[in-house]
Amino acid sequence: YLKQMLPAAGIDRSRLDGIAPEEV
């Protein structure tokens, strides 16, 4: 668990290399 939430829209999905964000 994170101490502070992060906006999902701000996550750089290209760094996930094809992995669905819901897996990470």
PDBML (XML) file of the C-alpha atoms, coordinates in Angstrom:
<?xml version="1.0" encoding="UTF-8" ?>
<PDBx:datablock datablockName="MODEL"
   xmlns:PDBx="http://pdbml.pdb.org/schema/pdbx-v50.xsd"
   xmlns:xsi="http://www.w3.org/2001/XMLSchema-instance"
   xsi:schemaLocation="http://pdbml.pdb.org/schema/pdbx-v50.xsd pdbx-v50.xsd">
   <PDBx:atom_siteCategory>
      <PDBx:atom_site id="1">
         <PDBx:B_iso_or_equiv>0.00</PDBx:B_iso_or_equiv>
         <PDBx:Cartn_x>0.000</PDBx:Cartn_x>
         <PDBx:Cartn_y>0.000</PDBx:Cartn_y>
         <PDBx:Cartn_z>0.000</PDBx:Cartn_z>
         <PDBx:auth_asym_id>A</PDBx:auth_asym_id>
         <PDBx:auth_atom_id>CA</PDBx:auth_atom_id>
         <PDBx:auth_comp_id>TYR</PDBx:auth_comp_id>
         <PDBx:auth_seq_id>1</PDBx:auth_seq_id>
         <PDBx:group_PDB>ATOM</PDBx:group_PDB>
         <PDBx:label_alt_id xsi:nil="true" />
         <PDBx:label_asym_id>A</PDBx:label_asym_id>
         <PDBx:label_atom_id>CA</PDBx:label_atom_id>
         <PDBx:label_comp_id>TYR</PDBx:label_comp_id>
         <PDBx:label_entity_id>1</PDBx:label_entity_id>
         <PDBx:label_seq_id>1</PDBx:label_seq_id>
         <PDBx:occupancy>1.00</PDBx:occupancy>
         <PDBx:pdbx_PDB_model_num>1</PDBx:pdbx_PDB_model_num>
         <PDBx:type_symbol>C</PDBx:type_symbol>
      </PDBx:atom_site>
      <PDBx:atom_site id="2">
         <PDBx:B_iso_or_equiv>0.00</PDBx:B_iso_or_equiv>
         <PDBx:Cartn_x>1.164</PDBx:Cartn_x>
         <PDBx:Cartn_y>3.492</PDBx:Cartn_y>
         <PDBx:Cartn_z>-0.900</PDBx:Cartn_z>
         <PDBx:auth_asym_id>A</PDBx:auth_asym_id>
         <PDBx:auth_atom_id>CA</PDBx:auth_atom_id>
         <PDBx:auth_comp_id>LEU</PDBx:auth_comp_id>
         <PDBx:auth_seq_id>2</PDBx:auth_seq_id>
         <PDBx:group_PDB>ATOM</PDBx:group_PDB>
         <PDBx:label_alt_id xsi:nil="true" />
         <PDBx:label_asym_id>A</PDBx:label_asym_id>
         <PDBx:label_atom_id>CA</PDBx:label_atom_id>
         <PDBx:label_comp_id>LEU</PDBx:label_comp_id>
         <PDBx:label_entity_id>1</PDBx:label_entity_id>
         <PDBx:label_seq_id>2</PDBx:label_seq_id>
         <PDBx:occupancy>1.00</PDBx:occupancy>
         <PDBx:pdbx_PDB_model_num>1</PDBx:pdbx_PDB_model_num>
         <PDBx:type_symbol>C</PDBx:type_symbol>
      </PDBx:atom_site>
      <PDBx:atom_site id="3">
         <PDBx:B_iso_or_equiv>0.00</PDBx:B_iso_or_equiv>
         <PDBx:Cartn_x>1.243</PDBx:Cartn_x>
         <PDBx:Cartn_y>6.275</PDBx:Cartn_y>
         <PDBx:Cartn_z>1.695</PDBx:Cartn_z>
         <PDBx:auth_asym_id>A</PDBx:auth_asym_id>
         <PDBx:auth_atom_id>CA</PDBx:auth_atom_id>
         <PDBx:auth_comp_id>LYS</PDBx:auth_comp_id>
         <PDBx:auth_seq_id>3</PDBx:auth_seq_id>
         <PDBx:group_PDB>ATOM</PDBx:group_PDB>
         <PDBx:label_alt_id xsi:nil="true" />
         <PDBx:label_asym_id>A</PDBx:label_asym_id>
         <PDBx:label_atom_id>CA</PDBx:label_atom_id>
         <PDBx:label_comp_id>LYS</PDBx:label_comp_id>
         <PDBx:label_entity_id>1</PDBx:label_entity_id>
         <PDBx:label_seq_id>3</PDBx:label_seq_id>
         <PDBx:occupancy>1.00</PDBx:occupancy>
         <PDBx:pdbx_PDB_model_num>1</PDBx:pdbx_PDB_model_num>
         <PDBx:type_symbol>C</PDBx:type_symbol>
      </PDBx:atom_site>
      <PDBx:atom_site id="4">
         <PDBx:B_iso_or_equiv>0.00</PDBx:B_iso_or_equiv>
         <PDBx:Cartn_x>-0.333</PDBx:Cartn_x>
         <PDBx:Cartn_y>8.606</PDBx:Cartn_y>
         <PDBx:Cartn_z>-0.869</PDBx:Cartn_z>
         <PDBx:auth_asym_id>A</PDBx:auth_asym_id>
         <PDBx:auth_atom_id>CA</PDBx:auth_atom_id>
         <PDBx:auth_comp_id>GLN</PDBx:auth_comp_id>
         <PDBx:auth_seq_id>4</PDBx:auth_seq_id>
         <PDBx:group_PDB>ATOM</PDBx:group_PDB>
         <PDBx:label_alt_id xsi:nil="true" />
         <PDBx:label_asym_id>A</PDBx:label_asym_id>
         <PDBx:label_atom_id>CA</PDBx:label_atom_id>
         <PDBx:label_comp_id>GLN</PDBx:label_comp_id>
         <PDBx:label_entity_id>1</PDBx:label_entity_id>
         <PDBx:label_seq_id>4</PDBx:label_seq_id>
         <PDBx:occupancy>1.00</PDBx:occupancy>
         <PDBx:pdbx_PDB_model_num>1</PDBx:pdbx_PDB_model_num>
         <PDBx:type_symbol>C</PDBx:type_symbol>
      </PDBx:atom_site>
      <PDBx:atom_site id="5">
         <PDBx:B_iso_or_equiv>0.00</PDBx:B_iso_or_equiv>
         <PDBx:Cartn_x>-2.578</PDBx:Cartn_x>
         <PDBx:Cartn_y>7.754</PDBx:Cartn_y>
         <PDBx:Cartn_z>-3.769</PDBx:Cartn_z>
         <PDBx:auth_asym_id>A</PDBx:auth_asym_id>
         <PDBx:auth_atom_id>CA</PDBx:auth_atom_id>
         <PDBx:auth_comp_id>MET</PDBx:auth_comp_id>
         <PDBx:auth_seq_id>5</PDBx:auth_seq_id>
         <PDBx:group_PDB>ATOM</PDBx:group_PDB>
         <PDBx:label_alt_id xsi:nil="true" />
         <PDBx:label_asym_id>A</PDBx:label_asym_id>
         <PDBx:label_atom_id>CA</PDBx:label_atom_id>
         <PDBx:label_comp_id>MET</PDBx:label_comp_id>
         <PDBx:label_entity_id>1</PDBx:label_entity_id>
         <PDBx:label_seq_id>5</PDBx:label_seq_id>
         <PDBx:occupancy>1.00</PDBx:occupancy>
         <PDBx:pdbx_PDB_model_num>1</PDBx:pdbx_PDB_model_num>
         <PDBx:type_symbol>C</PDBx:type_symbol>
      </PDBx:atom_site>
      <PDBx:atom_site id="6">
         <PDBx:B_iso_or_equiv>0.00</PDBx:B_iso_or_equiv>
         <PDBx:Cartn_x>-1.383</PDBx:Cartn_x>
         <PDBx:Cartn_y>8.581</PDBx:Cartn_y>
         <PDBx:Cartn_z>-7.281</PDBx:Cartn_z>
         <PDBx:auth_asym_id>A</PDBx:auth_asym_id>
         <PDBx:auth_atom_id>CA</PDBx:auth_atom_id>
         <PDBx:auth_comp_id>LEU</PDBx:auth_comp_id>
         <PDBx:auth_seq_id>6</PDBx:auth_seq_id>
         <PDBx:group_PDB>ATOM</PDBx:group_PDB>
         <PDBx:label_alt_id xsi:nil="true" />
         <PDBx:label_asym_id>A</PDBx:label_asym_id>
         <PDBx:label_atom_id>CA</PDBx:label_atom_id>
         <PDBx:label_comp_id>LEU</PDBx:label_comp_id>
         <PDBx:label_entity_id>1</PDBx:label_entity_id>
         <PDBx:label_seq_id>6</PDBx:label_seq_id>
         <PDBx:occupancy>1.00</PDBx:occupancy>
         <PDBx:pdbx_PDB_model_num>1</PDBx:pdbx_PDB_model_num>
         <PDBx:type_symbol>C</PDBx:type_symbol>
      </PDBx:atom_site>
      <PDBx:atom_site id="7">
         <PDBx:B_iso_or_equiv>0.00</PDBx:B_iso_or_equiv>
         <PDBx:Cartn_x>-3.668</PDBx:Cartn_x>
         <PDBx:Cartn_y>9.578</PDBx:Cartn_y>
         <PDBx:Cartn_z>-10.156</PDBx:Cartn_z>
         <PDBx:auth_asym_id>A</PDBx:auth_asym_id>
         <PDBx:auth_atom_id>CA</PDBx:auth_atom_id>
         <PDBx:auth_comp_id>PRO</PDBx:auth_comp_id>
         <PDBx:auth_seq_id>7</PDBx:auth_seq_id>
         <PDBx:group_PDB>ATOM</PDBx:group_PDB>
         <PDBx:label_alt_id xsi:nil="true" />
         <PDBx:label_asym_id>A</PDBx:label_asym_id>
         <PDBx:label_atom_id>CA</PDBx:label_atom_id>
         <PDBx:label_comp_id>PRO</PDBx:label_comp_id>
         <PDBx:label_entity_id>1</PDBx:label_entity_id>
         <PDBx:label_seq_id>7</PDBx:label_seq_id>
         <PDBx:occupancy>1.00</PDBx:occupancy>
         <PDBx:pdbx_PDB_model_num>1</PDBx:pdbx_PDB_model_num>
         <PDBx:type_symbol>C</PDBx:type_symbol>
      </PDBx:atom_site>
      <PDBx:atom_site id="8">
         <PDBx:B_iso_or_equiv>0.00</PDBx:B_iso_or_equiv>
         <PDBx:Cartn_x>-3.940</PDBx:Cartn_x>
         <PDBx:Cartn_y>6.569</PDBx:Cartn_y>
         <PDBx:Cartn_z>-12.475</PDBx:Cartn_z>
         <PDBx:auth_asym_id>A</PDBx:auth_asym_id>
         <PDBx:auth_atom_id>CA</PDBx:auth_atom_id>
         <PDBx:auth_comp_id>ALA</PDBx:auth_comp_id>
         <PDBx:auth_seq_id>8</PDBx:auth_seq_id>
         <PDBx:group_PDB>ATOM</PDBx:group_PDB>
         <PDBx:label_alt_id xsi:nil="true" />
         <PDBx:label_asym_id>A</PDBx:label_asym_id>
         <PDBx:label_atom_id>CA</PDBx:label_atom_id>
         <PDBx:label_comp_id>ALA</PDBx:label_comp_id>
         <PDBx:label_entity_id>1</PDBx:label_entity_id>
         <PDBx:label_seq_id>8</PDBx:label_seq_id>
         <PDBx:occupancy>1.00</PDBx:occupancy>
         <PDBx:pdbx_PDB_model_num>1</PDBx:pdbx_PDB_model_num>
         <PDBx:type_symbol>C</PDBx:type_symbol>
      </PDBx:atom_site>
      <PDBx:atom_site id="9">
         <PDBx:B_iso_or_equiv>0.00</PDBx:B_iso_or_equiv>
         <PDBx:Cartn_x>-3.977</PDBx:Cartn_x>
         <PDBx:Cartn_y>8.948</PDBx:Cartn_y>
         <PDBx:Cartn_z>-15.441</PDBx:Cartn_z>
         <PDBx:auth_asym_id>A</PDBx:auth_asym_id>
         <PDBx:auth_atom_id>CA</PDBx:auth_atom_id>
         <PDBx:auth_comp_id>ALA</PDBx:auth_comp_id>
         <PDBx:auth_seq_id>9</PDBx:auth_seq_id>
         <PDBx:group_PDB>ATOM</PDBx:group_PDB>
         <PDBx:label_alt_id xsi:nil="true" />
         <PDBx:label_asym_id>A</PDBx:label_asym_id>
         <PDBx:label_atom_id>CA</PDBx:label_atom_id>
         <PDBx:label_comp_id>ALA</PDBx:label_comp_id>
         <PDBx:label_entity_id>1</PDBx:label_entity_id>
         <PDBx:label_seq_id>9</PDBx:label_seq_id>
         <PDBx:occupancy>1.00</PDBx:occupancy>
         <PDBx:pdbx_PDB_model_num>1</PDBx:pdbx_PDB_model_num>
         <PDBx:type_symbol>C</PDBx:type_symbol>
      </PDBx:atom_site>
      <PDBx:atom_site id="10">
         <PDBx:B_iso_or_equiv>0.00</PDBx:B_iso_or_equiv>
         <PDBx:Cartn_x>-0.474</PDBx:Cartn_x>
         <PDBx:Cartn_y>10.106</PDBx:Cartn_y>
         <PDBx:Cartn_z>-14.480</PDBx:Cartn_z>
         <PDBx:auth_asym_id>A</PDBx:auth_asym_id>
         <PDBx:auth_atom_id>CA</PDBx:auth_atom_id>
         <PDBx:auth_comp_id>GLY</PDBx:auth_comp_id>
         <PDBx:auth_seq_id>10</PDBx:auth_seq_id>
         <PDBx:group_PDB>ATOM</PDBx:group_PDB>
         <PDBx:label_alt_id xsi:nil="true" />
         <PDBx:label_asym_id>A</PDBx:label_asym_id>
         <PDBx:label_atom_id>CA</PDBx:label_atom_id>
         <PDBx:label_comp_id>GLY</PDBx:label_comp_id>
         <PDBx:label_entity_id>1</PDBx:label_entity_id>
         <PDBx:label_seq_id>10</PDBx:label_seq_id>
         <PDBx:occupancy>1.00</PDBx:occupancy>
         <PDBx:pdbx_PDB_model_num>1</PDBx:pdbx_PDB_model_num>
         <PDBx:type_symbol>C</PDBx:type_symbol>
      </PDBx:atom_site>
      <PDBx:atom_site id="11">
         <PDBx:B_iso_or_equiv>0.00</PDBx:B_iso_or_equiv>
         <PDBx:Cartn_x>1.097</PDBx:Cartn_x>
         <PDBx:Cartn_y>6.640</PDBx:Cartn_y>
         <PDBx:Cartn_z>-14.714</PDBx:Cartn_z>
         <PDBx:auth_asym_id>A</PDBx:auth_asym_id>
         <PDBx:auth_atom_id>CA</PDBx:auth_atom_id>
         <PDBx:auth_comp_id>ILE</PDBx:auth_comp_id>
         <PDBx:auth_seq_id>11</PDBx:auth_seq_id>
         <PDBx:group_PDB>ATOM</PDBx:group_PDB>
         <PDBx:label_alt_id xsi:nil="true" />
         <PDBx:label_asym_id>A</PDBx:label_asym_id>
         <PDBx:label_atom_id>CA</PDBx:label_atom_id>
         <PDBx:label_comp_id>ILE</PDBx:label_comp_id>
         <PDBx:label_entity_id>1</PDBx:label_entity_id>
         <PDBx:label_seq_id>11</PDBx:label_seq_id>
         <PDBx:occupancy>1.00</PDBx:occupancy>
         <PDBx:pdbx_PDB_model_num>1</PDBx:pdbx_PDB_model_num>
         <PDBx:type_symbol>C</PDBx:type_symbol>
      </PDBx:atom_site>
      <PDBx:atom_site id="12">
         <PDBx:B_iso_or_equiv>0.00</PDBx:B_iso_or_equiv>
         <PDBx:Cartn_x>3.273</PDBx:Cartn_x>
         <PDBx:Cartn_y>6.161</PDBx:Cartn_y>
         <PDBx:Cartn_z>-17.801</PDBx:Cartn_z>
         <PDBx:auth_asym_id>A</PDBx:auth_asym_id>
         <PDBx:auth_atom_id>CA</PDBx:auth_atom_id>
         <PDBx:auth_comp_id>ASP</PDBx:auth_comp_id>
         <PDBx:auth_seq_id>12</PDBx:auth_seq_id>
         <PDBx:group_PDB>ATOM</PDBx:group_PDB>
         <PDBx:label_alt_id xsi:nil="true" />
         <PDBx:label_asym_id>A</PDBx:label_asym_id>
         <PDBx:label_atom_id>CA</PDBx:label_atom_id>
         <PDBx:label_comp_id>ASP</PDBx:label_comp_id>
         <PDBx:label_entity_id>1</PDBx:label_entity_id>
         <PDBx:label_seq_id>12</PDBx:label_seq_id>
         <PDBx:occupancy>1.00</PDBx:occupancy>
         <PDBx:pdbx_PDB_model_num>1</PDBx:pdbx_PDB_model_num>
         <PDBx:type_symbol>C</PDBx:type_symbol>
      </PDBx:atom_site>
      <PDBx:atom_site id="13">
         <PDBx:B_iso_or_equiv>0.00</PDBx:B_iso_or_equiv>
         <PDBx:Cartn_x>1.742</PDBx:Cartn_x>
         <PDBx:Cartn_y>2.972</PDBx:Cartn_y>
         <PDBx:Cartn_z>-19.187</PDBx:Cartn_z>
         <PDBx:auth_asym_id>A</PDBx:auth_asym_id>
         <PDBx:auth_atom_id>CA</PDBx:auth_atom_id>
         <PDBx:auth_comp_id>ARG</PDBx:auth_comp_id>
         <PDBx:auth_seq_id>13</PDBx:auth_seq_id>
         <PDBx:group_PDB>ATOM</PDBx:group_PDB>
         <PDBx:label_alt_id xsi:nil="true" />
         <PDBx:label_asym_id>A</PDBx:label_asym_id>
         <PDBx:label_atom_id>CA</PDBx:label_atom_id>
         <PDBx:label_comp_id>ARG</PDBx:label_comp_id>
         <PDBx:label_entity_id>1</PDBx:label_entity_id>
         <PDBx:label_seq_id>13</PDBx:label_seq_id>
         <PDBx:occupancy>1.00</PDBx:occupancy>
         <PDBx:pdbx_PDB_model_num>1</PDBx:pdbx_PDB_model_num>
         <PDBx:type_symbol>C</PDBx:type_symbol>
      </PDBx:atom_site>
      <PDBx:atom_site id="14">
         <PDBx:B_iso_or_equiv>0.00</PDBx:B_iso_or_equiv>
         <PDBx:Cartn_x>4.432</PDBx:Cartn_x>
         <PDBx:Cartn_y>2.662</PDBx:Cartn_y>
         <PDBx:Cartn_z>-21.867</PDBx:Cartn_z>
         <PDBx:auth_asym_id>A</PDBx:auth_asym_id>
         <PDBx:auth_atom_id>CA</PDBx:auth_atom_id>
         <PDBx:auth_comp_id>SER</PDBx:auth_comp_id>
         <PDBx:auth_seq_id>14</PDBx:auth_seq_id>
         <PDBx:group_PDB>ATOM</PDBx:group_PDB>
         <PDBx:label_alt_id xsi:nil="true" />
         <PDBx:label_asym_id>A</PDBx:label_asym_id>
         <PDBx:label_atom_id>CA</PDBx:label_atom_id>
         <PDBx:label_comp_id>SER</PDBx:label_comp_id>
         <PDBx:label_entity_id>1</PDBx:label_entity_id>
         <PDBx:label_seq_id>14</PDBx:label_seq_id>
         <PDBx:occupancy>1.00</PDBx:occupancy>
         <PDBx:pdbx_PDB_model_num>1</PDBx:pdbx_PDB_model_num>
         <PDBx:type_symbol>C</PDBx:type_symbol>
      </PDBx:atom_site>
      <PDBx:atom_site id="15">
         <PDBx:B_iso_or_equiv>0.00</PDBx:B_iso_or_equiv>
         <PDBx:Cartn_x>6.832</PDBx:Cartn_x>
         <PDBx:Cartn_y>1.604</PDBx:Cartn_y>
         <PDBx:Cartn_z>-19.108</PDBx:Cartn_z>
         <PDBx:auth_asym_id>A</PDBx:auth_asym_id>
         <PDBx:auth_atom_id>CA</PDBx:auth_atom_id>
         <PDBx:auth_comp_id>ARG</PDBx:auth_comp_id>
         <PDBx:auth_seq_id>15</PDBx:auth_seq_id>
         <PDBx:group_PDB>ATOM</PDBx:group_PDB>
         <PDBx:label_alt_id xsi:nil="true" />
         <PDBx:label_asym_id>A</PDBx:label_asym_id>
         <PDBx:label_atom_id>CA</PDBx:label_atom_id>
         <PDBx:label_comp_id>ARG</PDBx:label_comp_id>
         <PDBx:label_entity_id>1</PDBx:label_entity_id>
         <PDBx:label_seq_id>15</PDBx:label_seq_id>
         <PDBx:occupancy>1.00</PDBx:occupancy>
         <PDBx:pdbx_PDB_model_num>1</PDBx:pdbx_PDB_model_num>
         <PDBx:type_symbol>C</PDBx:type_symbol>
      </PDBx:atom_site>
      <PDBx:atom_site id="16">
         <PDBx:B_iso_or_equiv>0.00</PDBx:B_iso_or_equiv>
         <PDBx:Cartn_x>4.659</PDBx:Cartn_x>
         <PDBx:Cartn_y>-1.441</PDBx:Cartn_y>
         <PDBx:Cartn_z>-18.394</PDBx:Cartn_z>
         <PDBx:auth_asym_id>A</PDBx:auth_asym_id>
         <PDBx:auth_atom_id>CA</PDBx:auth_atom_id>
         <PDBx:auth_comp_id>LEU</PDBx:auth_comp_id>
         <PDBx:auth_seq_id>16</PDBx:auth_seq_id>
         <PDBx:group_PDB>ATOM</PDBx:group_PDB>
         <PDBx:label_alt_id xsi:nil="true" />
         <PDBx:label_asym_id>A</PDBx:label_asym_id>
         <PDBx:label_atom_id>CA</PDBx:label_atom_id>
         <PDBx:label_comp_id>LEU</PDBx:label_comp_id>
         <PDBx:label_entity_id>1</PDBx:label_entity_id>
         <PDBx:label_seq_id>16</PDBx:label_seq_id>
         <PDBx:occupancy>1.00</PDBx:occupancy>
         <PDBx:pdbx_PDB_model_num>1</PDBx:pdbx_PDB_model_num>
         <PDBx:type_symbol>C</PDBx:type_symbol>
      </PDBx:atom_site>
      <PDBx:atom_site id="17">
         <PDBx:B_iso_or_equiv>0.00</PDBx:B_iso_or_equiv>
         <PDBx:Cartn_x>5.865</PDBx:Cartn_x>
         <PDBx:Cartn_y>-3.051</PDBx:Cartn_y>
         <PDBx:Cartn_z>-21.626</PDBx:Cartn_z>
         <PDBx:auth_asym_id>A</PDBx:auth_asym_id>
         <PDBx:auth_atom_id>CA</PDBx:auth_atom_id>
         <PDBx:auth_comp_id>ASP</PDBx:auth_comp_id>
         <PDBx:auth_seq_id>17</PDBx:auth_seq_id>
         <PDBx:group_PDB>ATOM</PDBx:group_PDB>
         <PDBx:label_alt_id xsi:nil="true" />
         <PDBx:label_asym_id>A</PDBx:label_asym_id>
         <PDBx:label_atom_id>CA</PDBx:label_atom_id>
         <PDBx:label_comp_id>ASP</PDBx:label_comp_id>
         <PDBx:label_entity_id>1</PDBx:label_entity_id>
         <PDBx:label_seq_id>17</PDBx:label_seq_id>
         <PDBx:occupancy>1.00</PDBx:occupancy>
         <PDBx:pdbx_PDB_model_num>1</PDBx:pdbx_PDB_model_num>
         <PDBx:type_symbol>C</PDBx:type_symbol>
      </PDBx:atom_site>
      <PDBx:atom_site id="18">
         <PDBx:B_iso_or_equiv>0.00</PDBx:B_iso_or_equiv>
         <PDBx:Cartn_x>2.470</PDBx:Cartn_x>
         <PDBx:Cartn_y>-4.494</PDBx:Cartn_y>
         <PDBx:Cartn_z>-22.585</PDBx:Cartn_z>
         <PDBx:auth_asym_id>A</PDBx:auth_asym_id>
         <PDBx:auth_atom_id>CA</PDBx:auth_atom_id>
         <PDBx:auth_comp_id>GLY</PDBx:auth_comp_id>
         <PDBx:auth_seq_id>18</PDBx:auth_seq_id>
         <PDBx:group_PDB>ATOM</PDBx:group_PDB>
         <PDBx:label_alt_id xsi:nil="true" />
         <PDBx:label_asym_id>A</PDBx:label_asym_id>
         <PDBx:label_atom_id>CA</PDBx:label_atom_id>
         <PDBx:label_comp_id>GLY</PDBx:label_comp_id>
         <PDBx:label_entity_id>1</PDBx:label_entity_id>
         <PDBx:label_seq_id>18</PDBx:label_seq_id>
         <PDBx:occupancy>1.00</PDBx:occupancy>
         <PDBx:pdbx_PDB_model_num>1</PDBx:pdbx_PDB_model_num>
         <PDBx:type_symbol>C</PDBx:type_symbol>
      </PDBx:atom_site>
      <PDBx:atom_site id="19">
         <PDBx:B_iso_or_equiv>0.00</PDBx:B_iso_or_equiv>
         <PDBx:Cartn_x>1.462</PDBx:Cartn_x>
         <PDBx:Cartn_y>-5.621</PDBx:Cartn_y>
         <PDBx:Cartn_z>-19.085</PDBx:Cartn_z>
         <PDBx:auth_asym_id>A</PDBx:auth_asym_id>
         <PDBx:auth_atom_id>CA</PDBx:auth_atom_id>
         <PDBx:auth_comp_id>ILE</PDBx:auth_comp_id>
         <PDBx:auth_seq_id>19</PDBx:auth_seq_id>
         <PDBx:group_PDB>ATOM</PDBx:group_PDB>
         <PDBx:label_alt_id xsi:nil="true" />
         <PDBx:label_asym_id>A</PDBx:label_asym_id>
         <PDBx:label_atom_id>CA</PDBx:label_atom_id>
         <PDBx:label_comp_id>ILE</PDBx:label_comp_id>
         <PDBx:label_entity_id>1</PDBx:label_entity_id>
         <PDBx:label_seq_id>19</PDBx:label_seq_id>
         <PDBx:occupancy>1.00</PDBx:occupancy>
         <PDBx:pdbx_PDB_model_num>1</PDBx:pdbx_PDB_model_num>
         <PDBx:type_symbol>C</PDBx:type_symbol>
      </PDBx:atom_site>
      <PDBx:atom_site id="20">
         <PDBx:B_iso_or_equiv>0.00</PDBx:B_iso_or_equiv>
         <PDBx:Cartn_x>-2.041</PDBx:Cartn_x>
         <PDBx:Cartn_y>-4.569</PDBx:Cartn_y>
         <PDBx:Cartn_z>-18.061</PDBx:Cartn_z>
         <PDBx:auth_asym_id>A</PDBx:auth_asym_id>
         <PDBx:auth_atom_id>CA</PDBx:auth_atom_id>
         <PDBx:auth_comp_id>ALA</PDBx:auth_comp_id>
         <PDBx:auth_seq_id>20</PDBx:auth_seq_id>
         <PDBx:group_PDB>ATOM</PDBx:group_PDB>
         <PDBx:label_alt_id xsi:nil="true" />
         <PDBx:label_asym_id>A</PDBx:label_asym_id>
         <PDBx:label_atom_id>CA</PDBx:label_atom_id>
         <PDBx:label_comp_id>ALA</PDBx:label_comp_id>
         <PDBx:label_entity_id>1</PDBx:label_entity_id>
         <PDBx:label_seq_id>20</PDBx:label_seq_id>
         <PDBx:occupancy>1.00</PDBx:occupancy>
         <PDBx:pdbx_PDB_model_num>1</PDBx:pdbx_PDB_model_num>
         <PDBx:type_symbol>C</PDBx:type_symbol>
      </PDBx:atom_site>
      <PDBx:atom_site id="21">
         <PDBx:B_iso_or_equiv>0.00</PDBx:B_iso_or_equiv>
         <PDBx:Cartn_x>-1.901</PDBx:Cartn_x>
         <PDBx:Cartn_y>-1.903</PDBx:Cartn_y>
         <PDBx:Cartn_z>-15.330</PDBx:Cartn_z>
         <PDBx:auth_asym_id>A</PDBx:auth_asym_id>
         <PDBx:auth_atom_id>CA</PDBx:auth_atom_id>
         <PDBx:auth_comp_id>PRO</PDBx:auth_comp_id>
         <PDBx:auth_seq_id>21</PDBx:auth_seq_id>
         <PDBx:group_PDB>ATOM</PDBx:group_PDB>
         <PDBx:label_alt_id xsi:nil="true" />
         <PDBx:label_asym_id>A</PDBx:label_asym_id>
         <PDBx:label_atom_id>CA</PDBx:label_atom_id>
         <PDBx:label_comp_id>PRO</PDBx:label_comp_id>
         <PDBx:label_entity_id>1</PDBx:label_entity_id>
         <PDBx:label_seq_id>21</PDBx:label_seq_id>
         <PDBx:occupancy>1.00</PDBx:occupancy>
         <PDBx:pdbx_PDB_model_num>1</PDBx:pdbx_PDB_model_num>
         <PDBx:type_symbol>C</PDBx:type_symbol>
      </PDBx:atom_site>
      <PDBx:atom_site id="22">
         <PDBx:B_iso_or_equiv>0.00</PDBx:B_iso_or_equiv>
         <PDBx:Cartn_x>-4.347</PDBx:Cartn_x>
         <PDBx:Cartn_y>-3.962</PDBx:Cartn_y>
         <PDBx:Cartn_z>-13.226</PDBx:Cartn_z>
         <PDBx:auth_asym_id>A</PDBx:auth_asym_id>
         <PDBx:auth_atom_id>CA</PDBx:auth_atom_id>
         <PDBx:auth_comp_id>GLU</PDBx:auth_comp_id>
         <PDBx:auth_seq_id>22</PDBx:auth_seq_id>
         <PDBx:group_PDB>ATOM</PDBx:group_PDB>
         <PDBx:label_alt_id xsi:nil="true" />
         <PDBx:label_asym_id>A</PDBx:label_asym_id>
         <PDBx:label_atom_id>CA</PDBx:label_atom_id>
         <PDBx:label_comp_id>GLU</PDBx:label_comp_id>
         <PDBx:label_entity_id>1</PDBx:label_entity_id>
         <PDBx:label_seq_id>22</PDBx:label_seq_id>
         <PDBx:occupancy>1.00</PDBx:occupancy>
         <PDBx:pdbx_PDB_model_num>1</PDBx:pdbx_PDB_model_num>
         <PDBx:type_symbol>C</PDBx:type_symbol>
      </PDBx:atom_site>
      <PDBx:atom_site id="23">
         <PDBx:B_iso_or_equiv>0.00</PDBx:B_iso_or_equiv>
         <PDBx:Cartn_x>-1.635</PDBx:Cartn_x>
         <PDBx:Cartn_y>-6.663</PDBx:Cartn_y>
         <PDBx:Cartn_z>-12.956</PDBx:Cartn_z>
         <PDBx:auth_asym_id>A</PDBx:auth_asym_id>
         <PDBx:auth_atom_id>CA</PDBx:auth_atom_id>
         <PDBx:auth_comp_id>GLU</PDBx:auth_comp_id>
         <PDBx:auth_seq_id>23</PDBx:auth_seq_id>
         <PDBx:group_PDB>ATOM</PDBx:group_PDB>
         <PDBx:label_alt_id xsi:nil="true" />
         <PDBx:label_asym_id>A</PDBx:label_asym_id>
         <PDBx:label_atom_id>CA</PDBx:label_atom_id>
         <PDBx:label_comp_id>GLU</PDBx:label_comp_id>
         <PDBx:label_entity_id>1</PDBx:label_entity_id>
         <PDBx:label_seq_id>23</PDBx:label_seq_id>
         <PDBx:occupancy>1.00</PDBx:occupancy>
         <PDBx:pdbx_PDB_model_num>1</PDBx:pdbx_PDB_model_num>
         <PDBx:type_symbol>C</PDBx:type_symbol>
      </PDBx:atom_site>
      <PDBx:atom_site id="24">
         <PDBx:B_iso_or_equiv>0.00</PDBx:B_iso_or_equiv>
         <PDBx:Cartn_x>0.763</PDBx:Cartn_x>
         <PDBx:Cartn_y>-4.177</PDBx:Cartn_y>
         <PDBx:Cartn_z>-11.369</PDBx:Cartn_z>
         <PDBx:auth_asym_id>A</PDBx:auth_asym_id>
         <PDBx:auth_atom_id>CA</PDBx:auth_atom_id>
         <PDBx:auth_comp_id>VAL</PDBx:auth_comp_id>
         <PDBx:auth_seq_id>24</PDBx:auth_seq_id>
         <PDBx:group_PDB>ATOM</PDBx:group_PDB>
         <PDBx:label_alt_id xsi:nil="true" />
         <PDBx:label_asym_id>A</PDBx:label_asym_id>
         <PDBx:label_atom_id>CA</PDBx:label_atom_id>
         <PDBx:label_comp_id>VAL</PDBx:label_comp_id>
         <PDBx:label_entity_id>1</PDBx:label_entity_id>
         <PDBx:label_seq_id>24</PDBx:label_seq_id>
         <PDBx:occupancy>1.00</PDBx:occupancy>
         <PDBx:pdbx_PDB_model_num>1</PDBx:pdbx_PDB_model_num>
         <PDBx:type_symbol>C</PDBx:type_symbol>
      </PDBx:atom_site>
   </PDBx:atom_siteCategory>
</PDBx:datablock>
